[in-house]
Amino acid sequence: MSSSAEKKSRSSSRIIVIGAGIGGLTAAALLARQGYSVLIADRAWVPGGCASTFKRRGFTFDVGATQVAGLEPGGIHHRIFEALDIAAPEATYCDPACAVMLPGEAEPIRVWRDPDRWRQERQAQFPGSEPFWQFLNTLFEASWAFQARDPAIPPRNLWDLWQTAKALRPRTLVTVPHIFSTVGTALRAYGLERDRRLKTFLDLQLKLYSQVDADETALLYAATALGVSQSPQGLFHLQGSMQVLSDRLVTALKRDGGDLRMRHCAKTIHVERGRATGVTLENLKTGELFFEAADRIVANVTVQNLVDLLGDRAPAGYRQRVEKLPQSSGAFVIYLGVDAAAIPPGCPPHLQFLYDYDGPIGENNSLFVSVSQPHDGRAPDGKATIIASSFTDPNLWNRAEDYEQLKQTYAKTAIARLSQYFHLDERTILHRETATPRTFERFTGRSLGIVGGIGQRANTFGPFGFANRTPIKNLWLVGDSTHPGEGTAGVSYSALTTVRQITA
């Protein structure tokens, strides 16, 4: 087909994208750039999903995500911005990427970006563990190079299989024996399973990146999650807020003729003879229901939400697979606008605290904390933001008889915990706000308000996970329920794979 004929064919092809999170925005912007007619709809007031922001009393708070990977040359966000011909947002490396405070310890474990500095840190913190870390690094380098060649995982047709086969190299084979392994498997292999500090550190970091602890996290996923913090990769702190990421994507989408409709909620995906044909949308401002026909549909939702949208049109096997998934986590988040005096000197931008070895990772016993930096656009001069989140069982909040009291209890505990490190009192706390799984469900529509995907276990990661292609023809799934997992970089990879499948 000639380029002009191909362009004409694409412009007459209608694509609806459900959900304006980073995955949906990325897919929509790339498809619009390719010449497709694109409509993207989202229930929220602003785009970005769990990577959006809100403003209070001069403070700008990142709703959920506070770090970005993939902005380095060759990284996924860098590649996407180049493809869209838009400038990447201004950002600085997080160094350390995280400072982890274990119970009863005055000094944190600092995850440095410089590989040599991080090696020295971990050798001092975890004597005798270096062979384990070198093993992880070998797996990371092979896995990262494989993913950078854009495999379509898990493959669902010959095109996907060919893309995946092309990404393979002899070096990739080093990962094959470990497809079914977990981090716990590797710790036992290196005789480190009884190193409580190491195991706890890994549990904390992996719960943050994979939703599950070291004993359950797929080893190949963990190698990437733990290795991406170091140069030449790294984690980034965006200037302004996380919102600038979605703002860039919206700019590209609209420039190329895409239609973005906020406050429009998808109610039903219509299927005829095994093929997706359109979406019923609700205008949340007016309550009007209307049908939008589509040649293709991209759903940037959880896999649980996808099954709900399909209703009785969801294939029985697909529905049963979703229903058998372990319960995903929710998050309790406290947002604080503070006087700069609350921040101790030399405070890293990201910290992780565990308060009791015998307690759970979550439910306020562990907190992941993001702190704004001077002049980064999140707080007025002389002030700062502190965002602290803890994993929690979403069912606890949905069954709570006294929801407001539960929120107050969690907030009081979180502030007491944070006050062990920060200088928090009535004078320094200028604004306080909380969010629970109910909050996330209300504003993002995610089932039960779950965050972070389905959990990167050995039986749900990579080739055993949910594909971008669904069993319904012309219906795709993007986001943190699909490969390679959560985070803005992960969902952007899933969007890129989907766009390549559609344009192919």
Protein backbone atom coordinates (compact mmCIF):
# COMPACT_ATOMS: atom_id res chain seq x y z
CA MET A 1 0.00 0.00 0.00
CA SER A 2 1.33 3.48 -0.86
CA SER A 3 2.02 5.84 2.02
CA SER A 4 -0.83 8.16 0.99
CA ALA A 5 -3.27 5.27 0.68
CA GLU A 6 -2.08 3.87 3.99
CA LYS A 7 -2.54 7.24 5.67
CA LYS A 8 -6.06 7.53 4.24
CA SER A 9 -6.88 4.02 5.46
CA ARG A 10 -5.64 4.80 8.96
CA SER A 11 -7.51 8.11 9.19
CA SER A 12 -10.74 6.29 8.45
CA SER A 13 -10.00 3.69 11.15
CA ARG A 14 -11.64 4.65 14.43
CA ILE A 15 -9.82 3.73 17.66
CA ILE A 16 -11.25 4.29 21.14
CA VAL A 17 -8.86 4.28 24.09
CA ILE A 18 -10.47 3.73 27.49
CA GLY A 19 -8.51 5.41 30.27
CA ALA A 20 -6.15 8.40 30.16
CA GLY A 21 -3.47 7.01 32.43
CA ILE A 22 0.09 7.07 31.09
CA GLY A 23 -0.44 3.79 29.21
CA GLY A 24 -3.62 5.01 27.52
CA LEU A 25 -2.22 8.45 26.72
CA THR A 26 0.92 6.92 25.25
CA ALA A 27 -1.04 4.52 23.05
CA ALA A 28 -3.45 7.27 21.96
CA ALA A 29 -0.69 9.78 21.14
CA LEU A 30 1.35 7.24 19.17
CA LEU A 31 -1.72 6.05 17.23
CA ALA A 32 -2.75 9.64 16.43
CA ARG A 33 0.82 10.28 15.23
CA GLN A 34 0.43 7.29 12.91
CA GLY A 35 -2.65 8.90 11.39
CA TYR A 36 -5.46 7.02 13.13
CA SER A 37 -8.67 8.68 14.27
CA VAL A 38 -8.38 8.42 18.05
CA LEU A 39 -10.82 9.12 20.89
CA ILE A 40 -9.62 8.69 24.47
CA ALA A 41 -12.09 8.86 27.36
CA ASP A 42 -11.49 8.96 31.12
CA ARG A 43 -13.71 9.43 34.16
CA ALA A 44 -11.32 11.76 36.02
CA TRP A 45 -11.06 15.54 35.93
CA VAL A 46 -7.45 15.53 34.73
CA PRO A 47 -5.44 13.00 32.68
CA GLY A 48 -2.60 10.93 34.08
CA GLY A 49 -4.39 8.34 36.20
CA CYS A 50 -2.23 7.30 39.15
CA ALA A 51 0.51 9.57 37.79
CA SER A 52 -1.59 12.73 37.96
CA THR A 53 -1.51 15.54 40.52
CA PHE A 54 -3.75 17.82 42.57
CA LYS A 55 -3.18 21.26 44.10
CA ARG A 56 -3.94 22.53 47.59
CA ARG A 57 -3.01 25.90 49.15
CA GLY A 58 -0.04 26.43 46.82
CA PHE A 59 1.21 22.83 47.10
CA THR A 60 1.24 20.38 44.19
CA PHE A 61 0.91 16.73 45.19
CA ASP A 62 1.69 13.72 43.01
CA VAL A 63 -1.31 11.41 43.42
CA GLY A 64 0.52 8.08 43.29
CA ALA A 65 3.64 7.65 41.17
CA THR A 66 6.51 9.93 42.19
CA GLN A 67 9.45 8.52 40.20
CA VAL A 68 10.00 7.93 36.49
CA ALA A 69 12.31 5.47 34.76
CA GLY A 70 13.18 5.48 31.07
CA LEU A 71 14.05 9.13 30.39
CA GLU A 72 17.71 8.35 29.69
CA PRO A 73 18.83 8.15 26.02
CA GLY A 74 17.38 4.92 24.64
CA GLY A 75 14.94 4.61 27.56
CA ILE A 76 11.29 3.96 26.82
CA HIS A 77 10.04 7.48 27.57
CA HIS A 78 12.94 8.99 25.62
CA ARG A 79 12.06 6.79 22.63
CA ILE A 80 8.38 7.67 22.81
CA PHE A 81 9.00 11.41 23.00
CA GLU A 82 11.31 11.14 20.01
CA ALA A 83 8.65 9.23 18.06
CA LEU A 84 6.09 11.91 18.94
CA ASP A 85 8.55 14.70 18.12
CA ILE A 86 8.04 16.46 21.43
CA ALA A 87 10.54 17.53 24.07
CA ALA A 88 11.01 15.30 27.08
CA PRO A 89 10.16 16.94 30.42
CA GLU A 90 12.94 18.44 32.50
CA ALA A 91 14.11 15.98 35.15
CA THR A 92 16.99 15.15 37.47
CA TYR A 93 18.33 11.75 38.49
CA CYS A 94 17.28 10.43 41.90
CA ASP A 95 20.57 9.77 43.66
CA PRO A 96 20.18 7.86 45.83
CA ALA A 97 17.15 6.31 44.16
CA CYS A 98 15.94 5.37 47.63
CA ALA A 99 17.19 5.41 51.21
CA VAL A 100 15.87 2.44 53.18
CA MET A 101 15.58 2.68 56.98
CA LEU A 102 15.36 -0.63 58.84
CA PRO A 103 14.00 -0.94 62.41
CA GLY A 104 16.26 0.45 65.12
CA GLU A 105 18.89 1.73 62.69
CA ALA A 106 20.02 5.36 62.52
CA GLU A 107 21.60 5.25 59.05
CA PRO A 108 19.77 4.19 55.88
CA ILE A 109 20.78 1.80 53.14
CA ARG A 110 21.31 4.11 50.19
CA VAL A 111 20.64 2.80 46.68
CA TRP A 112 23.14 4.88 44.71
CA ARG A 113 22.95 5.43 40.95
CA ASP A 114 26.70 5.00 40.48
CA PRO A 115 27.29 1.21 40.17
CA ASP A 116 30.60 1.31 42.04
CA ARG A 117 29.17 3.35 44.87
CA TRP A 118 26.16 1.03 45.13
CA ARG A 119 28.50 -1.99 45.14
CA GLN A 120 30.46 -0.51 48.03
CA GLU A 121 27.23 0.30 49.89
CA ARG A 122 25.76 -3.18 49.60
CA GLN A 123 29.05 -4.88 50.48
CA ALA A 124 29.18 -2.81 53.66
CA GLN A 125 25.49 -3.36 54.44
CA PHE A 126 25.25 -7.06 53.49
CA PRO A 127 28.66 -8.75 53.90
CA GLY A 128 29.04 -11.94 51.89
CA SER A 129 26.17 -11.18 49.50
CA GLU A 130 28.16 -9.88 46.52
CA PRO A 131 27.95 -13.11 44.43
CA PHE A 132 24.15 -12.88 44.71
CA TRP A 133 24.18 -9.26 43.49
CA GLN A 134 26.53 -10.09 40.62
CA PHE A 135 24.17 -12.89 39.60
CA LEU A 136 21.25 -10.44 39.59
CA ASN A 137 23.29 -8.02 37.49
CA THR A 138 24.01 -10.72 34.89
CA LEU A 139 20.30 -11.48 34.62
CA PHE A 140 19.46 -7.76 34.48
CA GLU A 141 21.83 -7.03 31.61
CA ALA A 142 20.48 -9.93 29.54
CA SER A 143 16.83 -9.13 30.33
CA TRP A 144 17.23 -5.39 29.73
CA ALA A 145 18.85 -5.93 26.33
CA PHE A 146 16.07 -8.38 25.39
CA GLN A 147 13.30 -5.96 26.40
CA ALA A 148 14.99 -3.09 24.54
CA ARG A 149 14.57 -5.06 21.29
CA ASP A 150 10.76 -4.88 21.72
CA PRO A 151 9.53 -8.46 22.09
CA ALA A 152 5.76 -8.98 22.14
CA ILE A 153 5.24 -10.84 25.42
CA PRO A 154 3.36 -13.05 25.85
CA PRO A 155 3.00 -13.82 22.11
CA ARG A 156 -0.49 -14.52 20.87
CA ASN A 157 0.02 -14.91 17.10
CA LEU A 158 2.78 -15.46 14.56
CA TRP A 159 3.64 -11.75 14.36
CA ASP A 160 4.12 -11.58 18.14
CA LEU A 161 6.18 -14.75 18.07
CA TRP A 162 8.41 -13.36 15.32
CA GLN A 163 8.99 -10.10 17.20
CA THR A 164 9.93 -12.06 20.30
CA ALA A 165 12.21 -14.41 18.38
CA LYS A 166 13.99 -11.44 16.77
CA ALA A 167 14.71 -10.03 20.22
CA LEU A 168 16.52 -13.18 21.32
CA ARG A 169 20.31 -13.41 21.34
CA PRO A 170 22.63 -16.16 22.59
CA ARG A 171 23.21 -14.02 25.67
CA THR A 172 19.48 -14.12 26.43
CA LEU A 173 19.73 -17.85 27.09
CA VAL A 174 21.31 -17.14 30.49
CA THR A 175 17.82 -16.20 31.72
CA VAL A 176 16.02 -19.34 30.48
CA PRO A 177 16.86 -21.64 33.46
CA HIS A 178 15.42 -19.02 35.82
CA ILE A 179 12.00 -18.42 34.23
CA PHE A 180 10.25 -20.22 37.10
CA SER A 181 12.58 -19.00 39.87
CA THR A 182 11.86 -16.44 42.55
CA VAL A 183 14.22 -14.19 44.49
CA GLY A 184 13.74 -16.54 47.42
CA THR A 185 15.08 -19.37 45.22
CA ALA A 186 18.24 -17.37 44.49
CA LEU A 187 18.74 -16.41 48.15
CA ARG A 188 18.64 -20.07 49.12
CA ALA A 189 21.05 -20.97 46.31
CA TYR A 190 23.58 -18.48 47.71
CA GLY A 191 22.98 -19.44 51.34
CA LEU A 192 21.49 -16.05 52.20
CA GLU A 193 17.95 -17.00 53.18
CA ARG A 194 18.70 -16.38 56.87
CA ASP A 195 20.21 -12.92 56.38
CA ARG A 196 17.33 -10.99 57.94
CA ARG A 197 18.56 -7.51 56.97
CA LEU A 198 19.13 -8.49 53.33
CA LYS A 199 15.85 -10.36 53.09
CA THR A 200 13.95 -7.46 54.67
CA PHE A 201 15.60 -4.92 52.37
CA LEU A 202 14.63 -7.02 49.34
CA ASP A 203 11.10 -7.54 50.65
CA LEU A 204 10.64 -3.78 51.02
CA GLN A 205 12.02 -2.88 47.61
CA LEU A 206 10.22 -5.67 45.78
CA LYS A 207 6.89 -5.01 47.47
CA LEU A 208 7.24 -1.48 46.10
CA TYR A 209 8.01 -2.61 42.55
CA SER A 210 6.30 -5.99 42.19
CA GLN A 211 3.49 -6.02 44.81
CA VAL A 212 4.89 -9.16 46.47
CA ASP A 213 7.90 -10.05 48.63
CA ALA A 214 11.17 -11.76 47.72
CA ASP A 215 9.82 -15.28 48.18
CA GLU A 216 7.10 -14.66 45.60
CA THR A 217 8.64 -12.17 43.15
CA ALA A 218 9.76 -13.64 39.82
CA LEU A 219 13.56 -13.57 39.75
CA LEU A 220 13.84 -12.11 36.23
CA TYR A 221 11.45 -9.30 37.09
CA ALA A 222 13.33 -8.57 40.31
CA ALA A 223 16.66 -8.40 38.49
CA THR A 224 15.27 -5.60 36.33
CA ALA A 225 13.43 -3.80 39.14
CA LEU A 226 16.52 -3.79 41.35
CA GLY A 227 18.98 -2.99 38.55
CA VAL A 228 17.24 -0.13 36.78
CA SER A 229 18.25 2.38 39.48
CA GLN A 230 21.91 2.31 38.39
CA SER A 231 23.70 4.10 35.56
CA PRO A 232 23.38 4.18 32.58
CA GLN A 233 19.71 3.83 33.53
CA GLY A 234 18.25 5.49 36.59
CA LEU A 235 15.14 6.87 38.26
CA PHE A 236 14.13 10.48 37.67
CA HIS A 237 12.50 13.28 39.62
CA LEU A 238 10.41 15.44 37.28
CA GLN A 239 10.56 19.21 37.43
CA GLY A 240 7.09 20.59 38.16
CA SER A 241 5.23 17.40 39.01
CA MET A 242 4.36 14.00 37.56
CA GLN A 243 1.61 15.80 35.64
CA VAL A 244 4.14 17.15 33.11
CA LEU A 245 4.50 13.61 31.73
CA SER A 246 0.83 13.35 30.81
CA ASP A 247 0.75 17.00 29.71
CA ARG A 248 3.40 16.27 27.06
CA LEU A 249 1.42 13.28 25.80
CA VAL A 250 -1.84 15.27 25.68
CA THR A 251 -0.10 18.03 23.71
CA ALA A 252 1.10 15.50 21.12
CA LEU A 253 -2.30 13.80 20.98
CA LYS A 254 -4.21 17.00 20.29
CA ARG A 255 -1.60 18.28 17.83
CA ASP A 256 -2.16 15.15 15.75
CA GLY A 257 -5.95 15.39 15.83
CA GLY A 258 -6.77 13.08 18.76
CA ASP A 259 -9.88 13.72 20.85
CA LEU A 260 -9.55 13.66 24.66
CA ARG A 261 -12.76 13.58 26.71
CA MET A 262 -12.38 13.81 30.46
CA ARG A 263 -15.31 13.10 32.79
CA HIS A 264 -16.47 10.39 30.36
CA CYS A 265 -16.73 6.92 31.87
CA ALA A 266 -16.75 3.68 29.87
CA LYS A 267 -19.72 1.55 30.90
CA THR A 268 -19.73 -1.34 28.40
CA ILE A 269 -17.50 -2.74 25.68
CA HIS A 270 -19.71 -4.10 22.91
CA VAL A 271 -18.79 -7.35 21.20
CA GLU A 272 -20.38 -8.94 18.14
CA ARG A 273 -19.30 -12.36 16.85
CA GLY A 274 -16.14 -12.27 18.92
CA ARG A 275 -15.11 -8.82 17.72
CA ALA A 276 -15.12 -5.55 19.69
CA THR A 277 -17.36 -3.01 17.96
CA GLY A 278 -17.69 -0.03 20.27
CA VAL A 279 -18.10 1.43 23.73
CA THR A 280 -20.98 2.86 25.70
CA LEU A 281 -19.77 6.02 27.44
CA GLU A 282 -21.39 8.07 30.16
CA ASN A 283 -20.91 11.83 30.30
CA LEU A 284 -20.42 12.27 34.05
CA LYS A 285 -21.32 15.95 33.84
CA THR A 286 -24.75 15.38 32.29
CA GLY A 287 -25.45 11.69 33.00
CA GLU A 288 -25.99 11.09 29.26
CA LEU A 289 -25.26 7.59 27.94
CA PHE A 290 -24.21 7.19 24.31
CA PHE A 291 -22.58 4.62 22.03
CA GLU A 292 -19.31 5.21 20.18
CA ALA A 293 -18.50 2.77 17.37
CA ALA A 294 -14.90 1.66 16.97
CA ASP A 295 -12.79 -0.45 14.65
CA ARG A 296 -10.37 -1.13 17.50
CA ILE A 297 -10.46 -0.56 21.26
CA VAL A 298 -7.51 -0.12 23.63
CA ALA A 299 -8.39 -0.52 27.31
CA ASN A 300 -6.01 1.15 29.76
CA VAL A 301 -7.70 -0.43 32.77
CA THR A 302 -7.00 -3.24 35.23
CA VAL A 303 -7.72 -6.71 33.93
CA GLN A 304 -10.46 -6.92 36.58
CA ASN A 305 -12.08 -3.79 35.14
CA LEU A 306 -11.79 -5.20 31.63
CA VAL A 307 -13.81 -8.27 32.60
CA ASP A 308 -16.44 -6.00 34.20
CA LEU A 309 -16.66 -3.89 31.03
CA LEU A 310 -17.16 -7.00 28.92
CA GLY A 311 -19.80 -8.47 31.25
CA ASP A 312 -21.23 -11.72 29.91
CA ARG A 313 -19.23 -11.21 26.71
CA ALA A 314 -15.99 -11.96 28.57
CA PRO A 315 -14.70 -15.40 27.51
CA ALA A 316 -15.26 -17.88 30.34
CA GLY A 317 -11.62 -18.98 30.53
CA TYR A 318 -10.38 -15.39 30.64
CA ARG A 319 -12.87 -14.50 33.38
CA GLN A 320 -11.92 -17.54 35.45
CA ARG A 321 -8.23 -16.69 35.14
CA VAL A 322 -8.89 -13.17 36.43
CA GLU A 323 -11.08 -14.40 39.28
CA LYS A 324 -8.29 -16.75 40.44
CA LEU A 325 -5.74 -13.94 40.77
CA PRO A 326 -4.55 -13.26 44.34
CA GLN A 327 -5.95 -10.07 45.84
CA SER A 328 -3.98 -7.02 44.72
CA SER A 329 -2.98 -4.33 47.19
CA GLY A 330 -4.47 -0.93 47.76
CA ALA A 331 -2.70 2.09 49.20
CA PHE A 332 -3.21 4.44 52.11
CA VAL A 333 -1.55 7.76 51.29
CA ILE A 334 -1.04 10.85 53.41
CA TYR A 335 -0.19 14.14 51.68
CA LEU A 336 1.49 16.79 53.80
CA GLY A 337 2.29 20.37 52.91
CA VAL A 338 4.92 21.47 55.39
CA ASP A 339 7.26 24.25 56.35
CA ALA A 340 10.80 23.58 55.15
CA ALA A 341 11.86 23.35 58.80
CA ALA A 342 10.15 19.95 58.90
CA ILE A 343 12.72 18.48 56.50
CA PRO A 344 16.00 17.29 58.07
CA PRO A 345 19.23 18.43 56.38
CA GLY A 346 20.40 16.16 53.57
CA CYS A 347 17.03 14.42 53.27
CA PRO A 348 16.89 12.16 50.17
CA PRO A 349 13.97 12.65 47.76
CA HIS A 350 12.72 9.09 48.35
CA LEU A 351 12.82 7.02 51.54
CA GLN A 352 11.43 3.72 52.70
CA PHE A 353 10.82 2.97 56.38
CA LEU A 354 10.12 -0.30 58.17
CA TYR A 355 9.19 0.15 61.82
CA ASP A 356 8.89 -3.41 63.15
CA TYR A 357 10.54 -6.56 61.78
CA ASP A 358 7.63 -8.66 63.02
CA GLY A 359 4.95 -6.51 61.44
CA PRO A 360 3.60 -6.61 57.87
CA ILE A 361 5.03 -4.68 54.95
CA GLY A 362 2.14 -2.27 54.77
CA GLU A 363 -0.68 -1.14 57.06
CA ASN A 364 1.52 1.76 58.30
CA ASN A 365 4.31 -0.56 59.50
CA SER A 366 6.18 0.41 56.34
CA LEU A 367 6.02 3.71 54.50
CA PHE A 368 7.37 4.83 51.14
CA VAL A 369 8.01 8.55 51.32
CA SER A 370 8.62 11.14 48.60
CA VAL A 371 9.88 14.59 49.54
CA SER A 372 9.83 17.59 47.22
CA GLN A 373 13.10 19.32 46.46
CA PRO A 374 13.76 23.08 46.60
CA HIS A 375 12.49 24.87 43.48
CA ASP A 376 11.07 21.71 41.87
CA GLY A 377 7.64 23.30 41.40
CA ARG A 378 5.80 21.33 44.07
CA ALA A 379 5.86 23.83 46.93
CA PRO A 380 6.30 27.59 47.50
CA ASP A 381 9.69 28.86 48.64
CA GLY A 382 10.43 27.86 52.21
CA LYS A 383 7.95 24.98 52.09
CA ALA A 384 7.88 21.35 50.93
CA THR A 385 5.61 18.40 50.31
CA ILE A 386 5.83 14.99 51.98
CA ILE A 387 3.88 12.12 50.44
CA ALA A 388 3.86 8.86 52.41
CA SER A 389 2.14 5.71 51.21
CA SER A 390 1.57 2.29 52.70
CA PHE A 391 0.18 -0.87 51.16
CA THR A 392 -3.16 -1.92 52.58
CA ASP A 393 -5.86 -4.51 52.02
CA PRO A 394 -8.53 -2.81 49.89
CA ASN A 395 -11.22 -5.02 51.40
CA LEU A 396 -10.48 -3.54 54.84
CA TRP A 397 -11.61 -0.13 53.57
CA ASN A 398 -14.54 -1.32 51.54
CA ARG A 399 -15.95 -3.23 54.51
CA ALA A 400 -15.18 -0.57 57.12
CA GLU A 401 -18.25 0.32 59.17
CA ASP A 402 -16.65 3.57 60.37
CA TYR A 403 -14.62 4.63 57.36
CA GLU A 404 -13.81 8.15 58.58
CA GLN A 405 -12.59 6.88 61.94
CA LEU A 406 -10.36 4.34 60.20
CA LYS A 407 -8.87 7.12 58.07
CA GLN A 408 -8.16 9.23 61.13
CA THR A 409 -6.51 6.31 62.92
CA TYR A 410 -4.27 5.54 59.96
CA ALA A 411 -3.38 9.23 59.52
CA LYS A 412 -2.52 9.63 63.20
CA THR A 413 -0.29 6.54 63.11
CA ALA A 414 1.41 7.64 59.88
CA ILE A 415 2.22 11.08 61.26
CA ALA A 416 3.57 9.57 64.47
CA ARG A 417 5.78 7.25 62.43
CA LEU A 418 6.97 10.04 60.14
CA SER A 419 7.72 12.26 63.13
CA GLN A 420 10.52 9.90 64.09
CA TYR A 421 12.43 11.28 61.09
CA PHE A 422 10.74 14.55 60.10
CA HIS A 423 10.04 17.53 62.39
CA LEU A 424 6.27 17.41 62.31
CA ASP A 425 4.00 19.36 64.65
CA GLU A 426 1.17 21.89 64.52
CA ARG A 427 3.61 24.60 63.47
CA THR A 428 5.27 22.77 60.58
CA ILE A 429 2.25 20.91 59.13
CA LEU A 430 0.44 23.43 56.92
CA HIS A 431 -1.84 21.07 55.00
CA ARG A 432 -2.89 17.46 55.56
CA GLU A 433 -4.95 15.18 53.33
CA THR A 434 -5.38 11.43 52.98
CA ALA A 435 -6.37 8.95 50.29
CA THR A 436 -7.50 5.34 50.66
CA PRO A 437 -8.44 2.55 48.25
CA ARG A 438 -11.93 4.05 48.20
CA THR A 439 -10.43 7.35 47.06
CA PHE A 440 -8.46 5.70 44.27
CA GLU A 441 -11.51 3.74 43.13
CA ARG A 442 -13.62 6.88 43.06
CA PHE A 443 -11.20 9.00 41.03
CA THR A 444 -9.49 6.40 38.81
CA GLY A 445 -12.20 3.76 38.55
CA ARG A 446 -9.71 0.99 39.33
CA SER A 447 -11.44 -2.06 40.76
CA LEU A 448 -11.47 -1.81 44.59
CA GLY A 449 -8.92 1.01 44.26
CA ILE A 450 -6.05 -1.45 43.72
CA VAL A 451 -2.65 -0.08 42.73
CA GLY A 452 0.44 -1.46 41.01
CA GLY A 453 -0.91 -4.28 38.89
CA ILE A 454 -1.42 -7.98 39.52
CA GLY A 455 1.82 -8.95 41.30
CA GLN A 456 4.91 -10.13 39.49
CA ARG A 457 4.91 -13.75 40.61
CA ALA A 458 6.65 -16.45 38.59
CA ASN A 459 3.28 -17.67 37.26
CA THR A 460 2.02 -14.20 36.23
CA PHE A 461 5.22 -12.57 34.94
CA GLY A 462 6.36 -12.31 31.32
CA PRO A 463 5.31 -15.27 29.17
CA PHE A 464 2.80 -16.34 31.83
CA GLY A 465 1.14 -12.93 32.21
CA PHE A 466 -1.79 -11.24 30.51
CA ALA A 467 -1.15 -10.33 26.89
CA ASN A 468 -1.90 -6.99 25.27
CA ARG A 469 -4.00 -8.89 22.75
CA THR A 470 -7.16 -10.11 24.46
CA PRO A 471 -9.28 -13.11 23.38
CA ILE A 472 -11.68 -10.58 21.83
CA LYS A 473 -10.62 -9.57 18.31
CA ASN A 474 -9.67 -5.89 17.96
CA LEU A 475 -9.56 -5.38 21.73
CA TRP A 476 -6.24 -4.66 23.46
CA LEU A 477 -5.29 -4.30 27.12
CA VAL A 478 -2.53 -1.91 28.22
CA GLY A 479 -1.33 -0.89 31.66
CA ASP A 480 0.11 -2.51 34.76
CA SER A 481 -1.86 -5.76 34.37
CA THR A 482 0.27 -6.59 31.32
CA HIS A 483 3.97 -7.11 30.57
CA PRO A 484 6.33 -5.73 31.77
CA GLY A 485 4.39 -4.50 34.82
CA GLU A 486 3.82 -1.38 36.88
CA GLY A 487 5.36 2.07 36.75
CA THR A 488 5.21 4.69 34.01
CA ALA A 489 7.99 2.93 32.08
CA GLY A 490 6.24 -0.44 32.31
CA VAL A 491 2.86 0.79 31.13
CA SER A 492 4.52 2.76 28.32
CA TYR A 493 6.19 -0.43 27.09
CA SER A 494 2.80 -2.12 27.03
CA ALA A 495 1.36 0.81 25.06
CA LEU A 496 4.21 0.70 22.55
CA THR A 497 3.72 -3.05 22.03
CA THR A 498 0.00 -2.52 21.42
CA VAL A 499 0.61 0.28 18.92
CA ARG A 500 3.11 -1.88 17.04
CA GLN A 501 0.58 -4.74 16.93
CA ILE A 502 -2.15 -2.45 15.61
CA THR A 503 0.01 -0.74 12.98
CA ALA A 504 1.43 -4.09 11.85
